[in-house]
Protein backbone atom coordinates (compact mmCIF):
# COMPACT_ATOMS: atom_id res chain seq x y z
CA UNK A 1 0.05 -0.04 0.03
CA UNK A 2 1.46 3.31 -1.00
CA UNK A 3 1.98 6.34 1.21
CA UNK A 4 -0.98 8.20 -0.33
CA UNK A 5 -3.27 5.13 -0.16
CA UNK A 6 -2.75 5.15 3.65
CA UNK A 7 -3.71 8.71 4.15
CA UNK A 8 -6.99 9.47 5.96
CA UNK A 9 -9.48 10.12 3.03
CA UNK A 10 -10.57 13.36 4.60
CA UNK A 11 -7.19 15.00 4.39
CA UNK A 12 -5.63 13.36 1.31
CA UNK A 13 -6.41 16.21 -0.92
CA UNK A 14 -3.75 18.37 0.98
CA UNK A 15 -1.12 16.29 -0.68
CA UNK A 16 -2.17 17.78 -4.10
CA UNK A 17 -2.92 21.25 -2.92
CA UNK A 18 0.29 21.92 -0.89
CA UNK A 19 3.04 22.90 -3.24
CA UNK A 20 6.56 21.34 -2.75
CA UNK A 21 8.39 24.67 -3.53
CA UNK A 22 8.44 25.81 0.07
CA UNK A 23 9.97 22.52 1.36
CA UNK A 24 12.59 22.64 -1.50
CA UNK A 25 13.37 26.29 -0.68
CA UNK A 26 13.89 25.34 3.02
CA UNK A 27 16.67 23.06 2.15
CA UNK A 28 18.11 25.08 -0.83
CA UNK A 29 17.30 28.74 -0.30
CA UNK A 30 16.29 29.68 3.26
CA UNK A 31 15.71 33.49 2.43
CA UNK A 32 13.13 32.54 -0.21
CA UNK A 33 11.62 29.98 2.15
CA UNK A 34 11.10 32.74 4.64
CA UNK A 35 9.52 35.04 2.18
CA UNK A 36 7.07 32.22 1.25
CA UNK A 37 6.43 31.52 4.95
CA UNK A 38 5.69 35.14 5.71
CA UNK A 39 3.35 35.35 2.81
CA UNK A 40 1.33 32.35 3.88
CA UNK A 41 1.41 33.54 7.51
CA UNK A 42 -0.09 36.83 6.56
CA UNK A 43 -2.72 35.19 4.51
CA UNK A 44 -3.56 32.78 7.34
CA UNK A 45 -3.96 35.61 9.83
CA UNK A 46 -6.23 37.55 7.49
CA UNK A 47 -8.57 34.56 7.16
CA UNK A 48 -8.85 33.72 10.95
CA UNK A 49 -12.19 34.32 12.64
CA UNK A 50 -12.53 37.23 15.13
CA UNK A 51 -11.21 36.61 18.59
CA UNK A 52 -11.19 38.15 22.00
CA UNK A 53 -7.51 37.08 22.55
CA UNK A 54 -5.31 40.11 22.54
CA UNK A 55 -1.87 40.07 20.81
CA UNK A 56 1.09 42.15 21.79
CA UNK A 57 4.51 42.03 20.15
CA UNK A 58 7.40 43.13 22.29
CA UNK A 59 11.15 42.64 22.46
CA UNK A 60 13.12 41.44 25.60
CA UNK A 61 16.87 41.26 26.29
CA UNK A 62 18.29 37.88 25.67
CA UNK A 63 21.66 36.41 26.47
CA UNK A 64 23.52 38.15 23.69
CA UNK A 65 20.81 39.89 21.63
CA UNK A 66 17.20 41.01 21.82
CA UNK A 67 14.53 38.41 21.42
CA UNK A 68 11.12 39.35 19.86
CA UNK A 69 8.05 37.72 21.49
CA UNK A 70 4.36 37.63 20.69
CA UNK A 71 2.03 37.49 23.63
CA UNK A 72 -1.41 36.03 23.43
CA UNK A 73 -3.77 36.92 26.33
CA UNK A 74 -7.25 35.47 26.67
CA UNK A 75 -10.04 37.33 28.46
CA UNK A 76 -10.83 36.23 31.97
CA UNK A 77 -9.50 36.15 35.38
CA UNK A 78 -5.79 35.83 36.32
CA UNK A 79 -3.61 34.27 37.44
CA UNK A 80 -3.80 31.63 34.67
CA UNK A 81 -1.57 28.95 33.22
CA UNK A 82 1.17 29.99 30.82
CA UNK A 83 2.62 28.33 27.74
CA UNK A 84 5.96 29.21 26.19
CA UNK A 85 5.37 28.41 22.51
CA UNK A 86 8.14 27.58 20.10
CA UNK A 87 7.16 27.70 16.45
CA UNK A 88 7.79 25.06 13.81
CA UNK A 89 9.56 25.42 10.51
CA UNK A 90 12.47 22.98 10.35
CA UNK A 91 14.59 25.31 12.39
CA UNK A 92 14.93 27.29 9.23
CA UNK A 93 11.71 29.28 8.90
CA UNK A 94 8.79 30.39 11.11
CA UNK A 95 7.56 33.40 13.12
CA UNK A 96 6.45 34.15 16.57
CA UNK A 97 3.12 35.24 15.13
CA UNK A 98 1.78 31.67 14.97
CA UNK A 99 -1.74 32.95 15.34
CA UNK A 100 -3.72 29.83 14.26
CA UNK A 101 -2.03 27.72 16.95
CA UNK A 102 -1.60 30.25 19.55
CA UNK A 103 -5.10 31.86 19.50
CA UNK A 104 -6.76 28.45 19.69
CA UNK A 105 -4.57 27.45 22.72
CA UNK A 106 -5.23 30.68 24.53
CA UNK A 107 -8.95 30.48 23.76
CA UNK A 108 -9.56 26.84 24.60
CA UNK A 109 -7.20 26.50 27.64
CA UNK A 110 -7.67 29.96 28.92
CA UNK A 111 -3.91 30.43 29.25
CA UNK A 112 -1.35 33.14 28.35
CA UNK A 113 0.80 32.03 25.36
CA UNK A 114 4.24 33.65 24.93
CA UNK A 115 5.66 32.79 21.49
CA UNK A 116 9.29 33.18 20.72
CA UNK A 117 11.02 34.57 17.65
CA UNK A 118 14.21 32.45 18.22
CA UNK A 119 17.14 32.73 15.97
CA UNK A 120 17.07 30.43 12.90
CA UNK A 121 19.50 28.39 10.95
CA UNK A 122 21.81 28.74 8.92
CA UNK A 123 22.64 32.18 10.28
CA UNK A 124 22.44 30.64 13.75
CA UNK A 125 22.74 27.03 15.16
CA UNK A 126 20.85 25.29 17.98
CA UNK A 127 23.03 27.11 20.54
CA UNK A 128 21.44 30.43 19.69
CA UNK A 129 17.95 29.03 19.38
CA UNK A 130 18.25 27.34 22.84
CA UNK A 131 19.72 30.63 24.22
CA UNK A 132 16.85 32.71 23.01
CA UNK A 133 14.27 30.20 24.19
CA UNK A 134 15.80 29.94 27.70
CA UNK A 135 15.97 33.70 27.95
CA UNK A 136 12.29 34.00 27.06
CA UNK A 137 11.38 31.24 29.49
CA UNK A 138 13.13 32.98 32.36
CA UNK A 139 11.68 36.38 31.36
CA UNK A 140 8.21 34.79 31.36
CA UNK A 141 8.51 33.34 34.80
CA UNK A 142 10.23 36.42 36.24
CA UNK A 143 7.32 38.53 34.89
CA UNK A 144 4.54 36.09 35.65
CA UNK A 145 2.66 38.50 37.82
CA UNK A 146 2.57 41.20 35.14
CA UNK A 147 1.50 38.68 32.55
CA UNK A 148 -1.33 37.26 34.74
CA UNK A 149 0.48 33.93 34.93
CA UNK A 150 0.59 31.43 37.77
CA UNK A 151 4.31 30.56 37.91
CA UNK A 152 3.44 27.07 39.07
CA UNK A 153 1.56 26.39 35.92
CA UNK A 154 4.14 27.16 33.17
CA UNK A 155 4.50 24.77 30.30
CA UNK A 156 6.73 24.63 27.21
CA UNK A 157 5.63 23.31 23.77
CA UNK A 158 5.67 23.48 20.11
CA UNK A 159 5.14 21.53 16.86
CA UNK A 160 7.77 19.93 14.67
CA UNK A 161 10.92 21.95 15.04
CA UNK A 162 9.25 23.80 17.90
CA UNK A 163 8.53 20.46 19.55
CA UNK A 164 12.14 19.51 19.07
CA UNK A 165 13.30 22.76 20.49
CA UNK A 166 10.93 22.27 23.39
CA UNK A 167 12.42 18.91 24.15
CA UNK A 168 15.91 20.33 23.98
CA UNK A 169 14.86 23.19 26.19
CA UNK A 170 13.44 20.88 28.78
CA UNK A 171 16.81 19.13 28.99
CA UNK A 172 18.76 22.44 29.00
CA UNK A 173 16.47 23.90 31.70
CA UNK A 174 16.90 20.83 33.86
CA UNK A 175 20.71 20.86 33.51
CA UNK A 176 20.98 24.65 34.10
CA UNK A 177 18.56 24.70 36.96
CA UNK A 178 15.96 26.92 35.27
CA UNK A 179 12.39 27.44 36.30
CA UNK A 180 10.16 24.55 37.41
CA UNK A 181 8.06 23.39 34.52
CA UNK A 182 4.53 21.85 34.73
CA UNK A 183 4.52 20.18 31.28
CA UNK A 184 6.14 19.77 27.89
CA UNK A 185 3.93 19.61 24.85
CA UNK A 186 5.77 17.80 22.04
CA UNK A 187 3.74 17.88 18.82
CA UNK A 188 5.44 15.52 16.31
CA UNK A 189 8.72 16.85 17.52
CA UNK A 190 11.89 17.00 15.36
CA UNK A 191 14.34 15.42 17.75
CA UNK A 192 16.42 12.90 15.81
CA UNK A 193 19.18 13.98 13.28
CA UNK A 194 19.69 10.46 11.97
CA UNK A 195 16.17 9.32 11.04
CA UNK A 196 17.45 5.80 11.21
CA UNK A 197 14.02 4.17 11.85
CA UNK A 198 11.34 2.48 9.61
CA UNK A 199 9.43 5.65 9.34
CA UNK A 200 12.50 7.70 8.83
CA UNK A 201 13.39 5.60 5.77
CA UNK A 202 9.82 5.29 4.48
CA UNK A 203 8.70 6.79 1.18
CA UNK A 204 6.64 9.88 1.52
CA UNK A 205 6.20 12.53 -1.26
CA UNK A 206 7.63 15.92 -2.00
CA UNK A 207 4.65 17.80 -0.76
CA UNK A 208 5.18 16.74 2.81
CA UNK A 209 8.08 17.00 5.20
CA UNK A 210 10.51 14.36 3.95
CA UNK A 211 13.87 12.75 4.68
CA UNK A 212 15.82 14.77 2.09
CA UNK A 213 14.69 18.23 3.29
CA UNK A 214 14.96 17.09 6.88
CA UNK A 215 18.68 16.21 6.57
CA UNK A 216 19.36 19.58 4.85
CA UNK A 217 17.64 21.39 7.74
CA UNK A 218 19.52 19.33 10.29
CA UNK A 219 22.91 20.17 8.68
CA UNK A 220 22.19 23.91 8.89
CA UNK A 221 20.87 23.70 12.45
CA UNK A 222 23.78 21.62 13.87
CA UNK A 223 26.58 23.41 12.14
CA UNK A 224 29.96 21.68 12.75
CA UNK A 225 28.31 18.99 14.88
CA UNK A 226 26.36 17.55 11.83
CA UNK A 227 27.32 13.97 10.90
CA UNK A 228 29.42 13.52 14.06
CA UNK A 229 28.93 11.44 17.32
CA UNK A 230 29.04 14.76 19.30
CA UNK A 231 25.57 16.18 18.48
CA UNK A 232 24.16 17.87 21.57
CA UNK A 233 20.97 16.50 23.18
CA UNK A 234 19.93 20.21 23.37
CA UNK A 235 19.80 20.07 19.60
CA UNK A 236 18.55 16.51 19.07
CA UNK A 237 16.83 15.28 22.18
CA UNK A 238 17.11 11.58 21.24
CA UNK A 239 20.88 11.99 21.88
CA UNK A 240 20.26 12.44 25.57
CA UNK A 241 21.49 9.64 27.80
CA UNK A 242 19.47 10.68 30.85
CA UNK A 243 15.72 11.68 30.60
CA UNK A 244 15.09 11.62 34.26
CA UNK A 245 13.86 14.74 36.19
CA UNK A 246 12.03 16.20 33.15
CA UNK A 247 8.55 17.71 33.32
CA UNK A 248 5.48 15.56 32.47
CA UNK A 249 5.16 15.14 28.69
CA UNK A 250 2.61 14.65 25.88
CA UNK A 251 4.00 13.32 22.67
CA UNK A 252 1.74 13.36 19.63
CA UNK A 253 2.45 11.97 16.09
CA UNK A 254 0.62 10.66 13.05
CA UNK A 255 1.31 7.19 11.64
CA UNK A 256 2.53 8.62 8.38
CA UNK A 257 4.86 11.16 9.85
CA UNK A 258 8.66 10.84 9.16
CA UNK A 259 9.24 11.40 12.85
CA UNK A 260 6.74 8.64 13.90
CA UNK A 261 9.18 6.05 15.25
CA UNK A 262 11.64 8.47 16.87
CA UNK A 263 8.74 10.16 18.60
CA UNK A 264 7.36 6.89 19.89
CA UNK A 265 10.77 5.73 21.03
CA UNK A 266 11.30 9.00 22.83
CA UNK A 267 8.02 8.79 24.66
CA UNK A 268 8.80 5.23 25.73
CA UNK A 269 12.25 6.35 27.06
CA UNK A 270 10.63 9.13 29.03
CA UNK A 271 8.36 6.60 30.61
CA UNK A 272 11.27 4.29 31.46
CA UNK A 273 12.96 7.29 33.04
CA UNK A 274 9.97 7.84 35.33
CA UNK A 275 8.61 10.93 33.60
CA UNK A 276 4.84 10.96 33.55
CA UNK A 277 4.19 10.68 29.78
CA UNK A 278 1.16 10.37 27.42
CA UNK A 279 1.60 9.20 23.91
CA UNK A 280 -1.04 9.79 21.24
CA UNK A 281 -0.63 8.32 17.78
CA UNK A 282 -3.19 9.23 15.06
CA UNK A 283 -3.79 6.84 12.09
CA UNK A 284 -3.62 8.16 8.59
CA UNK A 285 -2.07 11.61 9.36
CA UNK A 286 1.17 12.94 7.91
CA UNK A 287 3.33 15.78 9.26
CA UNK A 288 1.48 19.00 9.91
CA UNK A 289 -1.78 17.95 8.16
CA UNK A 290 -3.98 18.89 11.13
CA UNK A 291 -3.21 22.58 10.43
CA UNK A 292 -3.59 22.18 6.62
CA UNK A 293 -7.00 20.66 6.84
CA UNK A 294 -8.20 22.02 10.19
CA UNK A 295 -11.85 21.06 9.80
CA UNK A 296 -11.32 17.43 9.09
CA UNK A 297 -12.44 15.08 11.84
CA UNK A 298 -9.02 13.48 12.20
CA UNK A 299 -7.35 16.89 12.39
CA UNK A 300 -9.74 17.92 15.08
CA UNK A 301 -9.12 14.79 17.06
CA UNK A 302 -5.38 15.47 17.01
CA UNK A 303 -5.85 19.09 18.15
CA UNK A 304 -8.34 18.09 20.77
CA UNK A 305 -5.81 15.47 22.00
CA UNK A 306 -3.07 18.09 22.81
CA UNK A 307 -5.46 20.75 23.96
CA UNK A 308 -6.99 18.29 26.42
CA UNK A 309 -3.53 17.28 27.73
CA UNK A 310 -2.31 20.79 28.11
CA UNK A 311 -5.59 21.84 29.67
CA UNK A 312 -5.35 19.17 32.29
CA UNK A 313 -1.75 20.32 33.08
CA UNK A 314 -2.05 24.04 33.31
CA UNK A 315 -5.76 25.02 32.58
């Protein structure tokens, strides 16, 4: 049975409607990929329904440069839970203004979402991405009162590269004695630079995140560590030897995702390490499709899965 034949019938049309040029550009021409991402991001924002969530864009001082943030505040009483959100984009593209995700999370959970414009590869490597994310996390906790956040209910999370960066940040935060975290939300996280698994070798198609473009992204993100045995677990969380002492986790992935097996394995390793962990695997879904076809029943089930988990942890 081919890759396309196994896709949920309600979302299979996205394979034909989603052009491969953006993925090609991510691997071969990051500036062009960012232009394309910004264009689609602005179009997405223009088509979102009205919301009572307020959005504020600010800049904070990071470790060695300023870090832009987008803050999403729902109506209602404070203090509330808080989520540090790290956007996806293969570590190459993406924006803090991840409105479709962040507005829904703020509305459904009733939490404050702080989304980070962390530095991207190839101009930066994982070291700068982690530094920006850690600075934003510390700022968020230090300013919890002003943000209306209960500092005891702070989570980190993201999708794809943002999920991978969240997993790396959880490790970095533990090792550097950062703030206490209530949860880590890992939505099909990009955490393994080798993709040496059955799903990592499986045939997909050029209109979804695939093995070829993923390796190109990893090469830019890892810099001189790429292809070595010295890749930092803060960059690729599967490299971590010790997963104990991490915050409770939810790992979500589709059965047709390139990252399926590495995500499942990471969730199992978290469980073995004594980390309270939930794992949700959705049949017939490929990487990112729940945002491409948001009204499909399978897409709604996936989003309801992570919203429910996050809500139970910090709502």
